[in-house]
């Protein structure tokens, strides 16, 4: 199963609290693609862009996954690999 989506935010939650305290705001856009085989395996990639009111810009890319390693009625062990890159 594939899922493709996007999100736009005005006054984005991606703006750090310290920046907000100093009057900096920002708008952001995000796009993602997710693949879901079942509850044991899923992967996704996403890209986000934030435009700050102080003329800074941030690009973010992430790759995340989940692989079920072992499960029993009382215990589930998952491997959760992820990669993240950010550039201001």
PDB file of N, CA and C in Angstrom:
ATOM      1  N   UNK A   1       0.840  -1.187   0.000  1.00  0.00           N
ATOM      2  CA  UNK A   1       0.000   0.000   0.000  1.00  0.00           C
ATOM      3  C   UNK A   1       0.878   1.241   0.000  1.00  0.00           C
ATOM      4  N   UNK A   2       0.559   2.167  -0.839  1.00  0.00           N
ATOM      5  CA  UNK A   2       1.304   3.415  -0.941  1.00  0.00           C
ATOM      6  C   UNK A   2       0.440   4.573  -0.456  1.00  0.00           C
ATOM      7  N   UNK A   3       1.092   5.552   0.148  1.00  0.00           N
ATOM      8  CA  UNK A   3       0.402   6.771   0.558  1.00  0.00           C
ATOM      9  C   UNK A   3       1.287   7.954   0.176  1.00  0.00           C
ATOM     10  N   UNK A   4       0.710   8.914  -0.504  1.00  0.00           N
ATOM     11  CA  UNK A   4       1.417  10.129  -0.901  1.00  0.00           C
ATOM     12  C   UNK A   4       0.649  11.300  -0.313  1.00  0.00           C
ATOM     13  N   UNK A   5       1.368  12.251   0.267  1.00  0.00           N
ATOM     14  CA  UNK A   5       0.674  13.369   0.871  1.00  0.00           C
ATOM     15  C   UNK A   5       1.521  14.619   0.942  1.00  0.00           C
ATOM     16  N   UNK A   6       0.880  15.698   1.334  1.00  0.00           N
ATOM     17  CA  UNK A   6       1.567  16.971   1.507  1.00  0.00           C
ATOM     18  C   UNK A   6       0.879  17.752   2.618  1.00  0.00           C
ATOM     19  N   UNK A   7       1.596  18.750   3.101  1.00  0.00           N
ATOM     20  CA  UNK A   7       1.072  19.561   4.194  1.00  0.00           C
ATOM     21  C   UNK A   7       1.634  20.968   4.052  1.00  0.00           C
ATOM     22  N   UNK A   8       0.797  21.969   4.231  1.00  0.00           N
ATOM     23  CA  UNK A   8       1.216  23.366   4.234  1.00  0.00           C
ATOM     24  C   UNK A   8       0.844  23.961   5.582  1.00  0.00           C
ATOM     25  N   UNK A   9       1.748  24.754   6.152  1.00  0.00           N
ATOM     26  CA  UNK A   9       1.475  25.379   7.449  1.00  0.00           C
ATOM     27  C   UNK A   9       1.836  26.856   7.409  1.00  0.00           C
ATOM     28  N   UNK A  10       0.915  27.658   7.854  1.00  0.00           N
ATOM     29  CA  UNK A  10       1.193  29.074   8.084  1.00  0.00           C
ATOM     30  C   UNK A  10       1.443  29.202   9.572  1.00  0.00           C
ATOM     31  N   UNK A  11       2.466  29.948   9.960  1.00  0.00           N
ATOM     32  CA  UNK A  11       2.919  30.010  11.359  1.00  0.00           C
ATOM     33  C   UNK A  11       3.237  28.587  11.836  1.00  0.00           C
ATOM     34  N   UNK A  12       4.207  28.012  11.200  1.00  0.00           N
ATOM     35  CA  UNK A  12       4.540  26.597  11.337  1.00  0.00           C
ATOM     36  C   UNK A  12       5.032  26.214  12.730  1.00  0.00           C
ATOM     37  N   UNK A  13       4.738  24.980  13.113  1.00  0.00           N
ATOM     38  CA  UNK A  13       5.251  24.424  14.367  1.00  0.00           C
ATOM     39  C   UNK A  13       6.733  24.064  14.249  1.00  0.00           C
ATOM     40  N   UNK A  14       7.298  24.122  13.060  1.00  0.00           N
ATOM     41  CA  UNK A  14       8.718  23.821  12.843  1.00  0.00           C
ATOM     42  C   UNK A  14       9.636  24.969  13.272  1.00  0.00           C
ATOM     43  N   UNK A  15       9.078  26.120  13.596  1.00  0.00           N
ATOM     44  CA  UNK A  15       9.876  27.255  14.067  1.00  0.00           C
ATOM     45  C   UNK A  15      10.247  26.997  15.531  1.00  0.00           C
ATOM     46  N   UNK A  16      11.542  27.055  15.863  1.00  0.00           N
ATOM     47  CA  UNK A  16      11.955  26.813  17.253  1.00  0.00           C
ATOM     48  C   UNK A  16      11.350  27.840  18.214  1.00  0.00           C
ATOM     49  N   UNK A  17      11.123  27.415  19.451  1.00  0.00           N
ATOM     50  CA  UNK A  17      10.528  28.304  20.454  1.00  0.00           C
ATOM     51  C   UNK A  17      11.396  29.529  20.714  1.00  0.00           C
ATOM     52  N   UNK A  18      12.707  29.355  20.697  1.00  0.00           N
ATOM     53  CA  UNK A  18      13.602  30.491  20.921  1.00  0.00           C
ATOM     54  C   UNK A  18      13.427  31.538  19.819  1.00  0.00           C
ATOM     55  N   UNK A  19      13.249  31.085  18.590  1.00  0.00           N
ATOM     56  CA  UNK A  19      13.020  32.019  17.481  1.00  0.00           C
ATOM     57  C   UNK A  19      11.679  32.726  17.648  1.00  0.00           C
ATOM     58  N   UNK A  20      10.645  31.982  18.032  1.00  0.00           N
ATOM     59  CA  UNK A  20       9.325  32.594  18.243  1.00  0.00           C
ATOM     60  C   UNK A  20       9.387  33.657  19.334  1.00  0.00           C
ATOM     61  N   UNK A  21      10.150  33.368  20.391  1.00  0.00           N
ATOM     62  CA  UNK A  21      10.287  34.321  21.494  1.00  0.00           C
ATOM     63  C   UNK A  21      10.903  35.627  21.004  1.00  0.00           C
ATOM     64  N   UNK A  22      11.743  35.550  19.980  1.00  0.00           N
ATOM     65  CA  UNK A  22      12.393  36.735  19.424  1.00  0.00           C
ATOM     66  C   UNK A  22      11.649  37.306  18.217  1.00  0.00           C
ATOM     67  N   UNK A  23      10.407  36.885  18.016  1.00  0.00           N
ATOM     68  CA  UNK A  23       9.566  37.469  16.982  1.00  0.00           C
ATOM     69  C   UNK A  23       9.712  36.868  15.595  1.00  0.00           C
ATOM     70  N   UNK A  24      10.427  35.753  15.471  1.00  0.00           N
ATOM     71  CA  UNK A  24      10.599  35.107  14.168  1.00  0.00           C
ATOM     72  C   UNK A  24       9.437  34.143  13.939  1.00  0.00           C
ATOM     73  N   UNK A  25       8.829  34.219  12.779  1.00  0.00           N
ATOM     74  CA  UNK A  25       7.761  33.290  12.404  1.00  0.00           C
ATOM     75  C   UNK A  25       8.209  32.520  11.163  1.00  0.00           C
ATOM     76  N   UNK A  26       7.406  31.598  10.728  1.00  0.00           N
ATOM     77  CA  UNK A  26       7.772  30.835   9.536  1.00  0.00           C
ATOM     78  C   UNK A  26       6.599  30.064   8.975  1.00  0.00           C
ATOM     79  N   UNK A  27       6.656  29.827   7.680  1.00  0.00           N
ATOM     80  CA  UNK A  27       5.680  29.005   6.975  1.00  0.00           C
ATOM     81  C   UNK A  27       6.411  27.796   6.419  1.00  0.00           C
ATOM     82  N   UNK A  28       5.727  26.666   6.341  1.00  0.00           N
ATOM     83  CA  UNK A  28       6.415  25.456   5.883  1.00  0.00           C
ATOM     84  C   UNK A  28       5.549  24.649   4.921  1.00  0.00           C
ATOM     85  N   UNK A  29       6.248  23.818   4.154  1.00  0.00           N
ATOM     86  CA  UNK A  29       5.613  22.876   3.235  1.00  0.00           C
ATOM     87  C   UNK A  29       6.293  21.530   3.418  1.00  0.00           C
ATOM     88  N   UNK A  30       5.525  20.467   3.324  1.00  0.00           N
ATOM     89  CA  UNK A  30       6.067  19.121   3.480  1.00  0.00           C
ATOM     90  C   UNK A  30       5.416  18.208   2.446  1.00  0.00           C
ATOM     91  N   UNK A  31       6.205  17.254   1.950  1.00  0.00           N
ATOM     92  CA  UNK A  31       5.691  16.220   1.048  1.00  0.00           C
ATOM     93  C   UNK A  31       6.261  14.885   1.507  1.00  0.00           C
ATOM     94  N   UNK A  32       5.471  13.836   1.381  1.00  0.00           N
ATOM     95  CA  UNK A  32       5.948  12.527   1.823  1.00  0.00           C
ATOM     96  C   UNK A  32       5.383  11.414   0.952  1.00  0.00           C
ATOM     97  N   UNK A  33       6.115  10.306   0.962  1.00  0.00           N
ATOM     98  CA  UNK A  33       5.683   9.065   0.321  1.00  0.00           C
ATOM     99  C   UNK A  33       5.909   7.965   1.341  1.00  0.00           C
ATOM    100  N   UNK A  34       4.887   7.163   1.596  1.00  0.00           N
ATOM    101  CA  UNK A  34       4.994   6.072   2.570  1.00  0.00           C
ATOM    102  C   UNK A  34       4.538   4.767   1.937  1.00  0.00           C
ATOM    103  N   UNK A  35       5.273   3.718   2.247  1.00  0.00           N
ATOM    104  CA  UNK A  35       4.929   2.375   1.786  1.00  0.00           C
ATOM    105  C   UNK A  35       4.672   1.516   3.011  1.00  0.00           C
ATOM    106  N   UNK A  36       3.539   0.822   3.003  1.00  0.00           N
ATOM    107  CA  UNK A  36       3.099   0.023   4.138  1.00  0.00           C
ATOM    108  C   UNK A  36       2.780  -1.374   3.629  1.00  0.00           C
ATOM    109  N   UNK A  37       3.602  -2.352   4.026  1.00  0.00           N
ATOM    110  CA  UNK A  37       3.314  -3.728   3.610  1.00  0.00           C
ATOM    111  C   UNK A  37       2.276  -4.333   4.550  1.00  0.00           C
ATOM    112  N   UNK A  38       2.539  -4.257   5.834  1.00  0.00           N
ATOM    113  CA  UNK A  38       1.633  -4.711   6.888  1.00  0.00           C
ATOM    114  C   UNK A  38       2.148  -4.130   8.201  1.00  0.00           C
ATOM    115  N   UNK A  39       1.631  -4.594   9.336  1.00  0.00           N
ATOM    116  CA  UNK A  39       2.098  -4.046  10.611  1.00  0.00           C
ATOM    117  C   UNK A  39       3.536  -4.439  10.925  1.00  0.00           C
ATOM    118  N   UNK A  40       4.127  -5.319  10.135  1.00  0.00           N
ATOM    119  CA  UNK A  40       5.506  -5.759  10.355  1.00  0.00           C
ATOM    120  C   UNK A  40       6.540  -4.963   9.563  1.00  0.00           C
ATOM    121  N   UNK A  41       6.124  -4.309   8.496  1.00  0.00           N
ATOM    122  CA  UNK A  41       7.107  -3.620   7.642  1.00  0.00           C
ATOM    123  C   UNK A  41       6.487  -2.379   7.009  1.00  0.00           C
ATOM    124  N   UNK A  42       7.166  -1.224   7.185  1.00  0.00           N
ATOM    125  CA  UNK A  42       6.748   0.014   6.528  1.00  0.00           C
ATOM    126  C   UNK A  42       7.937   0.969   6.429  1.00  0.00           C
ATOM    127  N   UNK A  43       7.936   1.752   5.350  1.00  0.00           N
ATOM    128  CA  UNK A  43       9.009   2.707   5.094  1.00  0.00           C
ATOM    129  C   UNK A  43       8.426   3.992   4.534  1.00  0.00           C
ATOM    130  N   UNK A  44       9.150   5.086   4.733  1.00  0.00           N
ATOM    131  CA  UNK A  44       8.695   6.355   4.196  1.00  0.00           C
ATOM    132  C   UNK A  44       9.843   7.321   3.993  1.00  0.00           C
ATOM    133  N   UNK A  45       9.638   8.260   3.089  1.00  0.00           N
ATOM    134  CA  UNK A  45      10.595   9.334   2.844  1.00  0.00           C
ATOM    135  C   UNK A  45       9.809  10.640   2.839  1.00  0.00           C
ATOM    136  N   UNK A  46      10.409  11.697   3.407  1.00  0.00           N
ATOM    137  CA  UNK A  46       9.716  12.983   3.432  1.00  0.00           C
ATOM    138  C   UNK A  46      10.706  14.121   3.197  1.00  0.00           C
ATOM    139  N   UNK A  47      10.180  15.225   2.703  1.00  0.00           N
ATOM    140  CA  UNK A  47      10.938  16.442   2.460  1.00  0.00           C
ATOM    141  C   UNK A  47      10.131  17.589   3.039  1.00  0.00           C
ATOM    142  N   UNK A  48      10.817  18.520   3.708  1.00  0.00           N
ATOM    143  CA  UNK A  48      10.137  19.687   4.268  1.00  0.00           C
ATOM    144  C   UNK A  48      10.965  20.938   4.001  1.00  0.00           C
ATOM    145  N   UNK A  49      10.274  22.036   3.808  1.00  0.00           N
ATOM    146  CA  UNK A  49      10.903  23.334   3.579  1.00  0.00           C
ATOM    147  C   UNK A  49      10.234  24.335   4.506  1.00  0.00           C
ATOM    148  N   UNK A  50      11.040  25.120   5.223  1.00  0.00           N
ATOM    149  CA  UNK A  50      10.511  26.161   6.101  1.00  0.00           C
ATOM    150  C   UNK A  50      11.144  27.489   5.712  1.00  0.00           C
ATOM    151  N   UNK A  51      10.307  28.495   5.519  1.00  0.00           N
ATOM    152  CA  UNK A  51      10.747  29.845   5.173  1.00  0.00           C
ATOM    153  C   UNK A  51      10.505  30.734   6.390  1.00  0.00           C
ATOM    154  N   UNK A  52      11.588  31.199   7.020  1.00  0.00           N
ATOM    155  CA  UNK A  52      11.495  32.004   8.234  1.00  0.00           C
ATOM    156  C   UNK A  52      11.389  33.486   7.895  1.00  0.00           C
ATOM    157  N   UNK A  53      10.771  34.253   8.790  1.00  0.00           N
ATOM    158  CA  UNK A  53      10.576  35.685   8.559  1.00  0.00           C
ATOM    159  C   UNK A  53      11.881  36.474   8.632  1.00  0.00           C
ATOM    160  N   UNK A  54      12.951  35.898   9.173  1.00  0.00           N
ATOM    161  CA  UNK A  54      14.245  36.589   9.232  1.00  0.00           C
ATOM    162  C   UNK A  54      15.124  36.249   8.027  1.00  0.00           C
ATOM    163  N   UNK A  55      14.526  35.776   6.940  1.00  0.00           N
ATOM    164  CA  UNK A  55      15.181  35.451   5.661  1.00  0.00           C
ATOM    165  C   UNK A  55      15.956  34.142   5.671  1.00  0.00           C
ATOM    166  N   UNK A  56      15.902  33.368   6.725  1.00  0.00           N
ATOM    167  CA  UNK A  56      16.512  32.037   6.728  1.00  0.00           C
ATOM    168  C   UNK A  56      15.551  31.037   6.100  1.00  0.00           C
ATOM    169  N   UNK A  57      16.125  29.959   5.596  1.00  0.00           N
ATOM    170  CA  UNK A  57      15.338  28.868   5.032  1.00  0.00           C
ATOM    171  C   UNK A  57      15.922  27.552   5.521  1.00  0.00           C
ATOM    172  N   UNK A  58      15.071  26.572   5.730  1.00  0.00           N
ATOM    173  CA  UNK A  58      15.519  25.252   6.177  1.00  0.00           C
ATOM    174  C   UNK A  58      14.939  24.193   5.255  1.00  0.00           C
ATOM    175  N   UNK A  59      15.816  23.266   4.843  1.00  0.00           N
ATOM    176  CA  UNK A  59      15.416  22.094   4.063  1.00  0.00           C
ATOM    177  C   UNK A  59      15.658  20.865   4.932  1.00  0.00           C
ATOM    178  N   UNK A  60      14.705  19.952   4.964  1.00  0.00           N
ATOM    179  CA  UNK A  60      14.831  18.722   5.744  1.00  0.00           C
ATOM    180  C   UNK A  60      14.433  17.534   4.873  1.00  0.00           C
ATOM    181  N   UNK A  61      15.196  16.460   4.981  1.00  0.00           N
ATOM    182  CA  UNK A  61      14.890  15.213   4.284  1.00  0.00           C
ATOM    183  C   UNK A  61      15.025  14.092   5.297  1.00  0.00           C
ATOM    184  N   UNK A  62      14.079  13.171   5.317  1.00  0.00           N
ATOM    185  CA  UNK A  62      14.176  12.043   6.249  1.00  0.00           C
ATOM    186  C   UNK A  62      13.722  10.753   5.572  1.00  0.00           C
ATOM    187  N   UNK A  63      14.325   9.678   6.014  1.00  0.00           N
ATOM    188  CA  UNK A  63      13.981   8.328   5.578  1.00  0.00           C
ATOM    189  C   UNK A  63      13.780   7.513   6.842  1.00  0.00           C
ATOM    190  N   UNK A  64      12.621   6.892   6.983  1.00  0.00           N
ATOM    191  CA  UNK A  64      12.293   6.142   8.191  1.00  0.00           C
ATOM    192  C   UNK A  64      11.701   4.798   7.822  1.00  0.00           C
ATOM    193  N   UNK A  65      11.872   3.839   8.710  1.00  0.00           N
ATOM    194  CA  UNK A  65      11.321   2.520   8.455  1.00  0.00           C
ATOM    195  C   UNK A  65      10.983   1.781   9.729  1.00  0.00           C
ATOM    196  N   UNK A  66      10.348   0.642   9.553  1.00  0.00           N
ATOM    197  CA  UNK A  66      10.028  -0.246  10.669  1.00  0.00           C
ATOM    198  C   UNK A  66      10.060  -1.676  10.170  1.00  0.00           C
ATOM    199  N   UNK A  67      10.787  -2.511  10.876  1.00  0.00           N
ATOM    200  CA  UNK A  67      10.859  -3.946  10.587  1.00  0.00           C
ATOM    201  C   UNK A  67      10.585  -4.698  11.886  1.00  0.00           C
ATOM    202  N   UNK A  68       9.580  -5.536  11.878  1.00  0.00           N
ATOM    203  CA  UNK A  68       9.283  -6.349  13.052  1.00  0.00           C
ATOM    204  C   UNK A  68      10.304  -7.475  13.128  1.00  0.00           C
ATOM    205  N   UNK A  69      11.038  -7.549  14.229  1.00  0.00           N
ATOM    206  CA  UNK A  69      12.062  -8.572  14.417  1.00  0.00           C
ATOM    207  C   UNK A  69      11.488  -9.793  15.115  1.00  0.00           C
ATOM    208  N   UNK A  70      10.684  -9.534  16.139  1.00  0.00           N
ATOM    209  CA  UNK A  70      10.145 -10.645  16.913  1.00  0.00           C
ATOM    210  C   UNK A  70       8.871 -10.195  17.609  1.00  0.00           C
ATOM    211  N   UNK A  71       7.909 -11.089  17.714  1.00  0.00           N
ATOM    212  CA  UNK A  71       6.694 -10.754  18.456  1.00  0.00           C
ATOM    213  C   UNK A  71       6.171 -11.979  19.180  1.00  0.00           C
ATOM    214  N   UNK A  72       5.598 -11.718  20.328  1.00  0.00           N
ATOM    215  CA  UNK A  72       4.931 -12.736  21.131  1.00  0.00           C
ATOM    216  C   UNK A  72       3.683 -12.078  21.713  1.00  0.00           C
ATOM    217  N   UNK A  73       2.847 -12.818  22.409  1.00  0.00           N
ATOM    218  CA  UNK A  73       1.648 -12.189  22.979  1.00  0.00           C
ATOM    219  C   UNK A  73       1.955 -11.057  23.963  1.00  0.00           C
ATOM    220  N   UNK A  74       3.156 -11.049  24.552  1.00  0.00           N
ATOM    221  CA  UNK A  74       3.472 -10.057  25.578  1.00  0.00           C
ATOM    222  C   UNK A  74       4.623  -9.136  25.214  1.00  0.00           C
ATOM    223  N   UNK A  75       5.283  -9.366  24.075  1.00  0.00           N
ATOM    224  CA  UNK A  75       6.449  -8.565  23.716  1.00  0.00           C
ATOM    225  C   UNK A  75       6.556  -8.425  22.197  1.00  0.00           C
ATOM    226  N   UNK A  76       6.818  -7.202  21.761  1.00  0.00           N
ATOM    227  CA  UNK A  76       7.055  -6.917  20.346  1.00  0.00           C
ATOM    228  C   UNK A  76       8.402  -6.209  20.248  1.00  0.00           C
ATOM    229  N   UNK A  77       9.268  -6.691  19.358  1.00  0.00           N
ATOM    230  CA  UNK A  77      10.572  -6.070  19.138  1.00  0.00           C
ATOM    231  C   UNK A  77      10.623  -5.591  17.689  1.00  0.00           C
ATOM    232  N   UNK A  78      10.776  -4.274  17.515  1.00  0.00           N
ATOM    233  CA  UNK A  78      10.852  -3.672  16.191  1.00  0.00           C
ATOM    234  C   UNK A  78      12.212  -3.018  15.991  1.00  0.00           C
ATOM    235  N   UNK A  79      12.713  -3.064  14.765  1.00  0.00           N
ATOM    236  CA  UNK A  79      13.904  -2.333  14.351  1.00  0.00           C
ATOM    237  C   UNK A  79      13.404  -1.088  13.634  1.00  0.00           C
ATOM    238  N   UNK A  80      13.848   0.099  14.072  1.00  0.00           N
ATOM    239  CA  UNK A  80      13.341   1.366  13.546  1.00  0.00           C
ATOM    240  C   UNK A  80      14.483   2.194  12.947  1.00  0.00           C
ATOM    241  N   UNK A  81      14.940   1.857  11.737  1.00  0.00           N
ATOM    242  CA  UNK A  81      16.019   2.648  11.138  1.00  0.00           C
ATOM    243  C   UNK A  81      15.509   4.011  10.672  1.00  0.00           C
ATOM    244  N   UNK A  82      16.376   5.031  10.783  1.00  0.00           N
ATOM    245  CA  UNK A  82      16.004   6.350  10.273  1.00  0.00           C
ATOM    246  C   UNK A  82      17.255   7.145   9.915  1.00  0.00           C
ATOM    247  N   UNK A  83      17.123   7.956   8.891  1.00  0.00           N
ATOM    248  CA  UNK A  83      18.153   8.897   8.466  1.00  0.00           C
ATOM    249  C   UNK A  83      17.499  10.263   8.352  1.00  0.00           C
ATOM    250  N   UNK A  84      18.234  11.304   8.756  1.00  0.00           N
ATOM    251  CA  UNK A  84      17.688  12.654   8.734  1.00  0.00           C
ATOM    252  C   UNK A  84      18.785  13.619   8.307  1.00  0.00           C
ATOM    253  N   UNK A  85      18.455  14.542   7.419  1.00  0.00           N
ATOM    254  CA  UNK A  85      19.399  15.564   6.981  1.00  0.00           C
ATOM    255  C   UNK A  85      18.684  16.904   6.995  1.00  0.00           C
ATOM    256  N   UNK A  86      19.382  17.913   7.521  1.00  0.00           N
ATOM    257  CA  UNK A  86      18.817  19.257   7.594  1.00  0.00           C
ATOM    258  C   UNK A  86      19.869  20.255   7.148  1.00  0.00           C
ATOM    259  N   UNK A  87      19.433  21.266   6.406  1.00  0.00           N
ATOM    260  CA  UNK A  87      20.346  22.321   5.973  1.00  0.00           C
ATOM    261  C   UNK A  87      19.639  23.655   6.099  1.00  0.00           C
ATOM    262  N   UNK A  88      20.315  24.615   6.730  1.00  0.00           N
ATOM    263  CA  UNK A  88      19.789  25.981   6.838  1.00  0.00           C
ATOM    264  C   UNK A  88      20.474  26.857   5.821  1.00  0.00           C
TER     265      UNK A  88
END
